[in-house]
Amino acid sequence: FFEDPKNLLWVSASGTMTGNGFAWGQSCHTLAWVYMVTGLVPESVFCKMKCCKVTGADIFTSALIQCTNGATICCQGLAGLPGRNAVGSASKKGKLIENKIFGSLGCLLYSGDDADPASGKLEVLLHDGSTESEDGFFFENTSKGGPGPESLQSFLTACSGQKVENMADATNGLLVVQTIEAMYKSAKDGSVCRIKA
């Protein structure tokens, strides 16, 4: 997908964009989720990217994001798994997504195939031995059937004037945009890019 020059909006930078590709197209979802779940605020980014020779779009991305409280996020993404779905694999229906958050009390794991809700679950594993889990991987819900993804349903509900809980509000969006912009700048010049508060 990111190697096809016909996908201009996904592979070509426009305006003041430093780059375009997997980070803008897919990493944004993971970063929005991580910032929403953790409340972390990015401070600086160091990133390496491998870009497609045909389109110039990033297809392999690896970033270390230092946060204001000292936490570090390792965000990696690739658009090169074998199979018809370039961000999935031959054995998966959709995209393989793995979210792992480690902290002083334990960890939170949320992984699966975004087109197969039965492929994963949300798990909390604590150092005291206690665990909690919720079956189902509902990260992006790319299934073709039914009333559409929950994000679309929430959008339509909001348009009709009803109250919705916005899990990716303007503050979350700003953090994501600042992070991805810093990822591209860091990958371009090889330095740590600080994010302005």
Protein backbone atom coordinates (compact mmCIF):
# COMPACT_ATOMS: atom_id res chain seq x y z
CA PHE A 1 0.00 0.00 0.00
CA PHE A 2 2.73 2.49 0.98
CA GLU A 3 4.82 1.31 -2.00
CA ASP A 4 2.18 2.23 -4.59
CA PRO A 5 2.67 5.73 -6.05
CA LYS A 6 -1.08 5.87 -6.87
CA ASN A 7 -1.82 6.23 -3.14
CA LEU A 8 -0.73 9.89 -3.18
CA LEU A 9 -2.47 10.93 0.05
CA TRP A 10 -0.70 8.11 1.93
CA VAL A 11 2.77 8.27 0.41
CA SER A 12 3.43 11.88 -0.62
CA ALA A 13 4.26 14.72 1.76
CA SER A 14 2.28 17.90 1.18
CA GLY A 15 2.37 21.41 2.60
CA THR A 16 4.79 21.62 5.52
CA MET A 17 4.95 17.83 6.08
CA THR A 18 8.48 16.45 6.54
CA GLY A 19 7.41 13.00 5.29
CA ASN A 20 4.48 10.64 4.83
CA GLY A 21 3.86 6.91 5.06
CA PHE A 22 3.41 4.33 7.78
CA ALA A 23 3.93 6.68 10.74
CA TRP A 24 1.15 9.06 9.68
CA GLY A 25 -1.02 6.25 8.31
CA GLN A 26 -0.80 3.70 11.13
CA SER A 27 1.47 4.66 14.05
CA CYS A 28 -0.93 7.50 14.82
CA HIS A 29 -3.56 4.98 16.02
CA THR A 30 -1.19 3.25 18.43
CA LEU A 31 0.21 6.53 19.78
CA ALA A 32 -3.30 7.93 20.35
CA TRP A 33 -4.22 4.78 22.28
CA VAL A 34 -1.02 4.82 24.35
CA TYR A 35 -1.39 8.52 25.25
CA MET A 36 -5.08 8.03 26.12
CA VAL A 37 -4.43 4.97 28.32
CA THR A 38 -1.28 6.21 30.07
CA GLY A 39 -1.64 10.00 30.22
CA LEU A 40 2.02 10.24 29.13
CA VAL A 41 3.25 13.46 27.49
CA PRO A 42 6.08 13.22 24.93
CA GLU A 43 9.18 15.36 25.42
CA SER A 44 11.66 14.17 22.77
CA VAL A 45 11.95 11.61 19.97
CA PHE A 46 14.76 9.69 18.30
CA CYS A 47 13.66 7.78 15.21
CA LYS A 48 15.00 5.68 12.37
CA MET A 49 12.98 5.03 9.22
CA LYS A 50 13.43 2.96 6.09
CA CYS A 51 11.64 4.49 3.14
CA CYS A 52 10.33 2.91 -0.05
CA LYS A 53 12.59 3.59 -3.04
CA VAL A 54 9.57 4.02 -5.32
CA THR A 55 7.34 6.36 -3.26
CA GLY A 56 9.63 7.76 -0.55
CA ALA A 57 7.08 6.76 2.09
CA ASP A 58 8.36 5.30 5.35
CA ILE A 59 7.61 1.59 5.52
CA PHE A 60 9.74 0.61 8.56
CA THR A 61 9.77 2.90 11.59
CA SER A 62 11.38 2.61 15.01
CA ALA A 63 11.13 5.46 17.52
CA LEU A 64 12.16 6.03 21.14
CA ILE A 65 9.92 8.64 22.74
CA GLN A 66 11.07 10.16 26.02
CA CYS A 67 8.19 11.46 28.13
CA THR A 68 8.06 14.34 30.61
CA ASN A 69 7.81 11.98 33.62
CA GLY A 70 10.87 9.93 32.58
CA ALA A 71 8.97 7.08 30.93
CA THR A 72 10.13 5.84 27.53
CA ILE A 73 7.88 4.62 24.72
CA CYS A 74 9.29 2.30 22.06
CA CYS A 75 7.08 2.59 18.99
CA GLN A 76 7.79 0.33 16.03
CA GLY A 77 5.83 -0.23 12.87
CA LEU A 78 6.28 -1.86 9.52
CA ALA A 79 4.37 -2.15 6.30
CA GLY A 80 6.22 -5.12 4.90
CA LEU A 81 4.79 -8.37 6.22
CA PRO A 82 4.31 -11.08 3.58
CA GLY A 83 0.83 -11.57 2.14
CA ARG A 84 -1.81 -9.56 0.33
CA ASN A 85 -2.26 -7.14 3.24
CA ALA A 86 1.08 -5.31 3.48
CA VAL A 87 0.53 -4.35 7.12
CA GLY A 88 -0.91 -7.72 8.07
CA SER A 89 0.39 -11.13 7.04
CA ALA A 90 -0.58 -14.17 5.02
CA SER A 91 -2.07 -15.77 8.13
CA LYS A 92 -3.88 -12.65 9.39
CA LYS A 93 -7.01 -10.92 8.07
CA GLY A 94 -5.97 -7.41 9.08
CA LYS A 95 -3.11 -5.62 10.76
CA LEU A 96 -1.10 -7.25 13.53
CA ILE A 97 -1.02 -4.80 16.45
CA GLU A 98 0.86 -5.33 19.72
CA ASN A 99 0.59 -2.86 22.60
CA LYS A 100 2.61 -3.54 25.75
CA ILE A 101 2.82 -1.09 28.64
CA PHE A 102 5.16 -1.86 31.53
CA GLY A 103 5.09 -0.03 34.87
CA SER A 104 6.13 -0.34 38.48
CA LEU A 105 3.03 -2.39 39.42
CA GLY A 106 2.99 -4.72 36.40
CA CYS A 107 1.99 -4.57 32.76
CA LEU A 108 -0.94 -4.09 30.41
CA LEU A 109 -1.04 -6.11 27.17
CA TYR A 110 -3.46 -5.43 24.31
CA SER A 111 -2.69 -7.23 21.06
CA GLY A 112 -4.37 -8.91 18.14
CA ASP A 113 -5.44 -8.77 14.51
CA ASP A 114 -7.57 -5.65 14.03
CA ALA A 115 -9.90 -7.45 11.60
CA ASP A 116 -10.54 -10.36 13.99
CA PRO A 117 -11.94 -9.41 17.43
CA ALA A 118 -11.45 -13.01 18.63
CA SER A 119 -7.69 -12.79 17.97
CA GLY A 120 -6.71 -11.02 21.16
CA LYS A 121 -7.58 -9.56 24.51
CA LEU A 122 -6.74 -6.88 27.06
CA GLU A 123 -4.69 -8.23 29.97
CA VAL A 124 -3.45 -6.64 33.18
CA LEU A 125 -0.70 -8.65 34.91
CA LEU A 126 0.46 -7.35 38.30
CA HIS A 127 3.64 -8.17 40.21
CA ASP A 128 1.53 -9.27 43.19
CA GLY A 129 0.30 -12.19 41.05
CA SER A 130 -3.17 -10.83 40.33
CA THR A 131 -4.46 -10.67 36.77
CA GLU A 132 -7.46 -9.34 34.89
CA SER A 133 -8.40 -9.91 31.27
CA GLU A 134 -11.11 -8.92 28.85
CA ASP A 135 -11.53 -11.07 25.74
CA GLY A 136 -11.68 -9.39 22.35
CA PHE A 137 -9.42 -7.13 20.31
CA PHE A 138 -11.42 -4.08 19.27
CA PHE A 139 -8.57 -1.74 18.38
CA GLU A 140 -9.63 -0.44 14.97
CA ASN A 141 -12.45 -2.78 13.96
CA THR A 142 -11.86 -3.04 10.23
CA SER A 143 -14.54 -5.69 9.64
CA LYS A 144 -16.57 -5.07 6.49
CA GLY A 145 -19.96 -6.16 7.86
CA GLY A 146 -22.38 -4.64 10.33
CA PRO A 147 -23.00 -0.96 11.10
CA GLY A 148 -19.35 0.05 10.67
CA PRO A 149 -16.55 0.68 13.15
CA GLU A 150 -17.27 2.14 16.56
CA SER A 151 -15.36 5.31 15.62
CA LEU A 152 -17.82 5.94 12.76
CA GLN A 153 -20.79 5.14 15.01
CA SER A 154 -19.52 7.64 17.61
CA PHE A 155 -18.98 10.28 14.92
CA LEU A 156 -22.54 9.86 13.63
CA THR A 157 -23.89 9.95 17.19
CA ALA A 158 -22.05 13.23 17.84
CA CYS A 159 -23.32 14.67 14.53
CA SER A 160 -26.87 13.93 15.66
CA GLY A 161 -26.28 16.05 18.77
CA GLN A 162 -26.01 13.19 21.26
CA LYS A 163 -23.29 13.01 23.89
CA VAL A 164 -20.27 10.77 23.20
CA GLU A 165 -17.06 10.16 25.08
CA ASN A 166 -14.24 11.39 22.83
CA MET A 167 -11.28 9.10 23.47
CA ALA A 168 -9.07 10.98 20.98
CA ASP A 169 -9.74 14.61 21.80
CA ALA A 170 -7.80 17.65 20.57
CA THR A 171 -5.16 17.32 23.30
CA ASN A 172 -4.55 13.68 22.41
CA GLY A 173 -4.45 14.56 18.73
CA LEU A 174 -1.91 17.32 19.34
CA LEU A 175 0.40 14.93 21.21
CA VAL A 176 0.17 12.42 18.36
CA VAL A 177 0.83 15.02 15.65
CA GLN A 178 3.77 16.51 17.59
CA THR A 179 5.24 13.03 18.10
CA ILE A 180 4.94 11.94 14.48
CA GLU A 181 6.28 15.25 13.20
CA ALA A 182 9.27 14.79 15.54
CA MET A 183 9.71 11.20 14.30
CA TYR A 184 10.08 12.38 10.70
CA LYS A 185 12.41 15.24 11.64
CA SER A 186 14.59 12.94 13.75
CA ALA A 187 14.76 10.30 11.01
CA LYS A 188 15.68 12.97 8.46
CA ASP A 189 18.59 14.52 10.37
CA GLY A 190 19.57 11.70 12.75
CA SER A 191 19.21 13.74 15.93
CA VAL A 192 16.97 13.73 18.97
CA CYS A 193 14.05 16.04 18.24
CA ARG A 194 12.58 17.91 21.20
CA ILE A 195 8.84 18.51 21.31
CA LYS A 196 7.79 22.03 22.26
CA ALA A 197 5.43 22.13 25.24
